Amino acid sequence: MLDVGGGGGRGLMGEFLGSSSSGSFAVNETGGAALLTAIREMARWVDDNAGSLRSLAQQPPLGSSTGANTMKPYVESVATDAEGFLTMLTEFRKSLTDAEQGVLNAMANYREQDSGTARQYT
């Protein structure tokens, strides 16, 4: 399974944040603004929907048949176990914070590189 990571140097977003912090890449203002808009809109969606999605952590009212009683805990665990939807959604939300900071760092890198290049010609 893909580990998006939530920071602290783990997972893809942790690596992205680390790379941007070290100046490994740069993003111009236009590209950075577009990325930040997408990241912030996704974070807002997660934040706005997290409460209503919490109902997935409860056993659904499927009835009392043998089949229903077999399915109830399974349905709940699909949402809440270590690789469950809600668990991954929480990790995804944390990764968006790292992604936002990574883009901000990359934009700062671009400004710094652009200024350094401009000084060479003045």
C-alpha atoms as a PDB file:
ATOM      1  CA  MET A   1       0.000   0.000   0.000  1.00  0.00           C
ATOM      2  CA  LEU A   2       1.185   3.527  -0.743  1.00  0.00           C
ATOM      3  CA  ASP A   3       2.377   5.361   2.349  1.00  0.00           C
ATOM      4  CA  VAL A   4       1.499   9.024   1.935  1.00  0.00           C
ATOM      5  CA  GLY A   5       2.992   9.761   5.327  1.00  0.00           C
ATOM      6  CA  GLY A   6       2.017  12.600   7.532  1.00  0.00           C
ATOM      7  CA  GLY A   7       5.313  14.326   8.174  1.00  0.00           C
ATOM      8  CA  GLY A   8       8.260  13.763  10.397  1.00  0.00           C
ATOM      9  CA  GLY A   9      10.275  12.663   7.388  1.00  0.00           C
ATOM     10  CA  ARG A  10       8.164   9.594   6.665  1.00  0.00           C
ATOM     11  CA  GLY A  11       6.329   8.773   3.476  1.00  0.00           C
ATOM     12  CA  LEU A  12       6.160  10.656   0.212  1.00  0.00           C
ATOM     13  CA  MET A  13       5.002  13.968   1.624  1.00  0.00           C
ATOM     14  CA  GLY A  14       7.716  13.876   4.281  1.00  0.00           C
ATOM     15  CA  GLU A  15      10.268  13.376   1.513  1.00  0.00           C
ATOM     16  CA  PHE A  16       8.653  16.138  -0.545  1.00  0.00           C
ATOM     17  CA  LEU A  17       8.807  18.513   2.407  1.00  0.00           C
ATOM     18  CA  GLY A  18      12.419  17.582   3.110  1.00  0.00           C
ATOM     19  CA  SER A  19      13.419  18.092  -0.525  1.00  0.00           C
ATOM     20  CA  SER A  20      11.755  21.468  -0.716  1.00  0.00           C
ATOM     21  CA  SER A  21      13.327  22.524   2.590  1.00  0.00           C
ATOM     22  CA  SER A  22      16.786  21.633   1.302  1.00  0.00           C
ATOM     23  CA  GLY A  23      16.272  23.649  -1.890  1.00  0.00           C
ATOM     24  CA  SER A  24      16.250  20.601  -4.179  1.00  0.00           C
ATOM     25  CA  PHE A  25      13.573  22.113  -6.393  1.00  0.00           C
ATOM     26  CA  ALA A  26      11.714  25.324  -7.034  1.00  0.00           C
ATOM     27  CA  VAL A  27       8.218  26.299  -8.153  1.00  0.00           C
ATOM     28  CA  ASN A  28       7.272  29.643  -9.660  1.00  0.00           C
ATOM     29  CA  GLU A  29       4.478  31.791  -8.223  1.00  0.00           C
ATOM     30  CA  THR A  30       1.884  30.812 -10.818  1.00  0.00           C
ATOM     31  CA  GLY A  31       2.465  27.085 -10.470  1.00  0.00           C
ATOM     32  CA  GLY A  32       2.747  27.341  -6.699  1.00  0.00           C
ATOM     33  CA  ALA A  33      -0.499  29.283  -6.420  1.00  0.00           C
ATOM     34  CA  ALA A  34      -2.330  26.628  -8.454  1.00  0.00           C
ATOM     35  CA  LEU A  35      -0.896  23.838  -6.298  1.00  0.00           C
ATOM     36  CA  LEU A  36      -1.762  25.682  -3.084  1.00  0.00           C
ATOM     37  CA  THR A  37      -5.328  26.214  -4.273  1.00  0.00           C
ATOM     38  CA  ALA A  38      -5.752  22.504  -4.988  1.00  0.00           C
ATOM     39  CA  ILE A  39      -4.166  21.465  -1.678  1.00  0.00           C
ATOM     40  CA  ARG A  40      -6.231  23.916   0.346  1.00  0.00           C
ATOM     41  CA  GLU A  41      -9.487  22.952  -1.378  1.00  0.00           C
ATOM     42  CA  MET A  42      -8.831  19.271  -0.688  1.00  0.00           C
ATOM     43  CA  ALA A  43      -7.959  20.012   2.950  1.00  0.00           C
ATOM     44  CA  ARG A  44     -11.158  22.028   3.279  1.00  0.00           C
ATOM     45  CA  TRP A  45     -13.183  19.138   1.800  1.00  0.00           C
ATOM     46  CA  VAL A  46     -11.661  16.667   4.260  1.00  0.00           C
ATOM     47  CA  ASP A  47     -12.255  19.036   7.173  1.00  0.00           C
ATOM     48  CA  ASP A  48     -15.843  19.751   6.103  1.00  0.00           C
ATOM     49  CA  ASN A  49     -16.709  16.062   5.666  1.00  0.00           C
ATOM     50  CA  ALA A  50     -14.738  14.400   8.465  1.00  0.00           C
ATOM     51  CA  GLY A  51     -17.606  14.667  10.934  1.00  0.00           C
ATOM     52  CA  SER A  52     -20.213  13.056   8.710  1.00  0.00           C
ATOM     53  CA  LEU A  53     -17.785  10.343   7.647  1.00  0.00           C
ATOM     54  CA  ARG A  54     -17.258   9.318  11.293  1.00  0.00           C
ATOM     55  CA  SER A  55     -20.512   7.377  11.059  1.00  0.00           C
ATOM     56  CA  LEU A  56     -18.527   4.831   9.022  1.00  0.00           C
ATOM     57  CA  ALA A  57     -16.750   3.872  12.262  1.00  0.00           C
ATOM     58  CA  GLN A  58     -19.971   2.418  13.658  1.00  0.00           C
ATOM     59  CA  GLN A  59     -21.471  -0.932  12.865  1.00  0.00           C
ATOM     60  CA  PRO A  60     -24.236  -0.379  10.319  1.00  0.00           C
ATOM     61  CA  PRO A  61     -27.799  -1.352  11.206  1.00  0.00           C
ATOM     62  CA  LEU A  62     -28.005  -4.347   8.881  1.00  0.00           C
ATOM     63  CA  GLY A  63     -30.465  -6.339  10.955  1.00  0.00           C
ATOM     64  CA  SER A  64     -30.016  -9.455  13.047  1.00  0.00           C
ATOM     65  CA  SER A  65     -29.670 -12.227  10.498  1.00  0.00           C
ATOM     66  CA  THR A  66     -26.599 -14.435  10.557  1.00  0.00           C
ATOM     67  CA  GLY A  67     -25.301 -12.733   7.423  1.00  0.00           C
ATOM     68  CA  ALA A  68     -25.889  -9.266   8.856  1.00  0.00           C
ATOM     69  CA  ASN A  69     -24.145 -10.151  12.108  1.00  0.00           C
ATOM     70  CA  THR A  70     -21.211 -11.494  10.108  1.00  0.00           C
ATOM     71  CA  MET A  71     -20.942  -8.329   8.005  1.00  0.00           C
ATOM     72  CA  LYS A  72     -21.355  -5.672  10.739  1.00  0.00           C
ATOM     73  CA  PRO A  73     -17.871  -5.903  12.268  1.00  0.00           C
ATOM     74  CA  TYR A  74     -16.271  -6.311   8.842  1.00  0.00           C
ATOM     75  CA  VAL A  75     -17.896  -3.137   7.510  1.00  0.00           C
ATOM     76  CA  GLU A  76     -16.753  -1.239  10.598  1.00  0.00           C
ATOM     77  CA  SER A  77     -13.161  -2.517  10.353  1.00  0.00           C
ATOM     78  CA  VAL A  78     -12.911  -1.526   6.687  1.00  0.00           C
ATOM     79  CA  ALA A  79     -13.331   2.053   7.864  1.00  0.00           C
ATOM     80  CA  THR A  80     -11.204   1.984  11.002  1.00  0.00           C
ATOM     81  CA  ASP A  81      -8.444  -0.633  10.895  1.00  0.00           C
ATOM     82  CA  ALA A  82      -4.791   0.282  10.263  1.00  0.00           C
ATOM     83  CA  GLU A  83      -5.432   0.572   6.524  1.00  0.00           C
ATOM     84  CA  GLY A  84      -9.061   1.616   6.771  1.00  0.00           C
ATOM     85  CA  PHE A  85     -10.686   4.502   4.972  1.00  0.00           C
ATOM     86  CA  LEU A  86     -10.907   6.808   7.993  1.00  0.00           C
ATOM     87  CA  THR A  87      -7.351   5.982   9.060  1.00  0.00           C
ATOM     88  CA  MET A  88      -6.033   6.766   5.582  1.00  0.00           C
ATOM     89  CA  LEU A  89      -8.165   9.906   5.343  1.00  0.00           C
ATOM     90  CA  THR A  90      -6.575  11.178   8.578  1.00  0.00           C
ATOM     91  CA  GLU A  91      -3.093  10.440   7.224  1.00  0.00           C
ATOM     92  CA  PHE A  92      -4.003  12.085   3.924  1.00  0.00           C
ATOM     93  CA  ARG A  93      -5.115  15.231   5.757  1.00  0.00           C
ATOM     94  CA  LYS A  94      -1.791  15.357   7.623  1.00  0.00           C
ATOM     95  CA  SER A  95       0.071  14.936   4.341  1.00  0.00           C
ATOM     96  CA  LEU A  96      -1.758  17.944   2.892  1.00  0.00           C
ATOM     97  CA  THR A  97      -0.180  20.113   5.596  1.00  0.00           C
ATOM     98  CA  ASP A  98       3.268  18.857   4.549  1.00  0.00           C
ATOM     99  CA  ALA A  99       2.396  19.361   0.891  1.00  0.00           C
ATOM    100  CA  GLU A 100       1.340  22.951   1.508  1.00  0.00           C
ATOM    101  CA  GLN A 101       4.550  23.730   3.382  1.00  0.00           C
ATOM    102  CA  GLY A 102       6.575  21.978   0.686  1.00  0.00           C
ATOM    103  CA  VAL A 103       5.042  24.138  -2.034  1.00  0.00           C
ATOM    104  CA  LEU A 104       5.621  27.289   0.023  1.00  0.00           C
ATOM    105  CA  ASN A 105       9.267  26.260   0.467  1.00  0.00           C
ATOM    106  CA  ALA A 106       9.621  25.544  -3.252  1.00  0.00           C
ATOM    107  CA  MET A 107       8.146  28.950  -4.082  1.00  0.00           C
ATOM    108  CA  ALA A 108      10.664  30.586  -1.743  1.00  0.00           C
ATOM    109  CA  ASN A 109      13.419  28.587  -3.457  1.00  0.00           C
ATOM    110  CA  TYR A 110      12.273  29.918  -6.818  1.00  0.00           C
ATOM    111  CA  ARG A 111      12.283  33.518  -5.602  1.00  0.00           C
ATOM    112  CA  GLU A 112      15.765  33.047  -4.156  1.00  0.00           C
ATOM    113  CA  GLN A 113      17.107  31.468  -7.345  1.00  0.00           C
ATOM    114  CA  ASP A 114      15.455  34.121  -9.479  1.00  0.00           C
ATOM    115  CA  SER A 115      16.966  36.914  -7.379  1.00  0.00           C
ATOM    116  CA  GLY A 116      20.395  35.272  -7.482  1.00  0.00           C
ATOM    117  CA  THR A 117      20.240  34.938 -11.246  1.00  0.00           C
ATOM    118  CA  ALA A 118      19.085  38.551 -11.631  1.00  0.00           C
ATOM    119  CA  ARG A 119      22.011  39.782  -9.499  1.00  0.00           C
ATOM    120  CA  GLN A 120      24.424  38.100 -11.915  1.00  0.00           C
ATOM    121  CA  TYR A 121      23.185  40.362 -14.696  1.00  0.00           C
ATOM    122  CA  THR A 122      23.161  43.661 -12.844  1.00  0.00           C
END
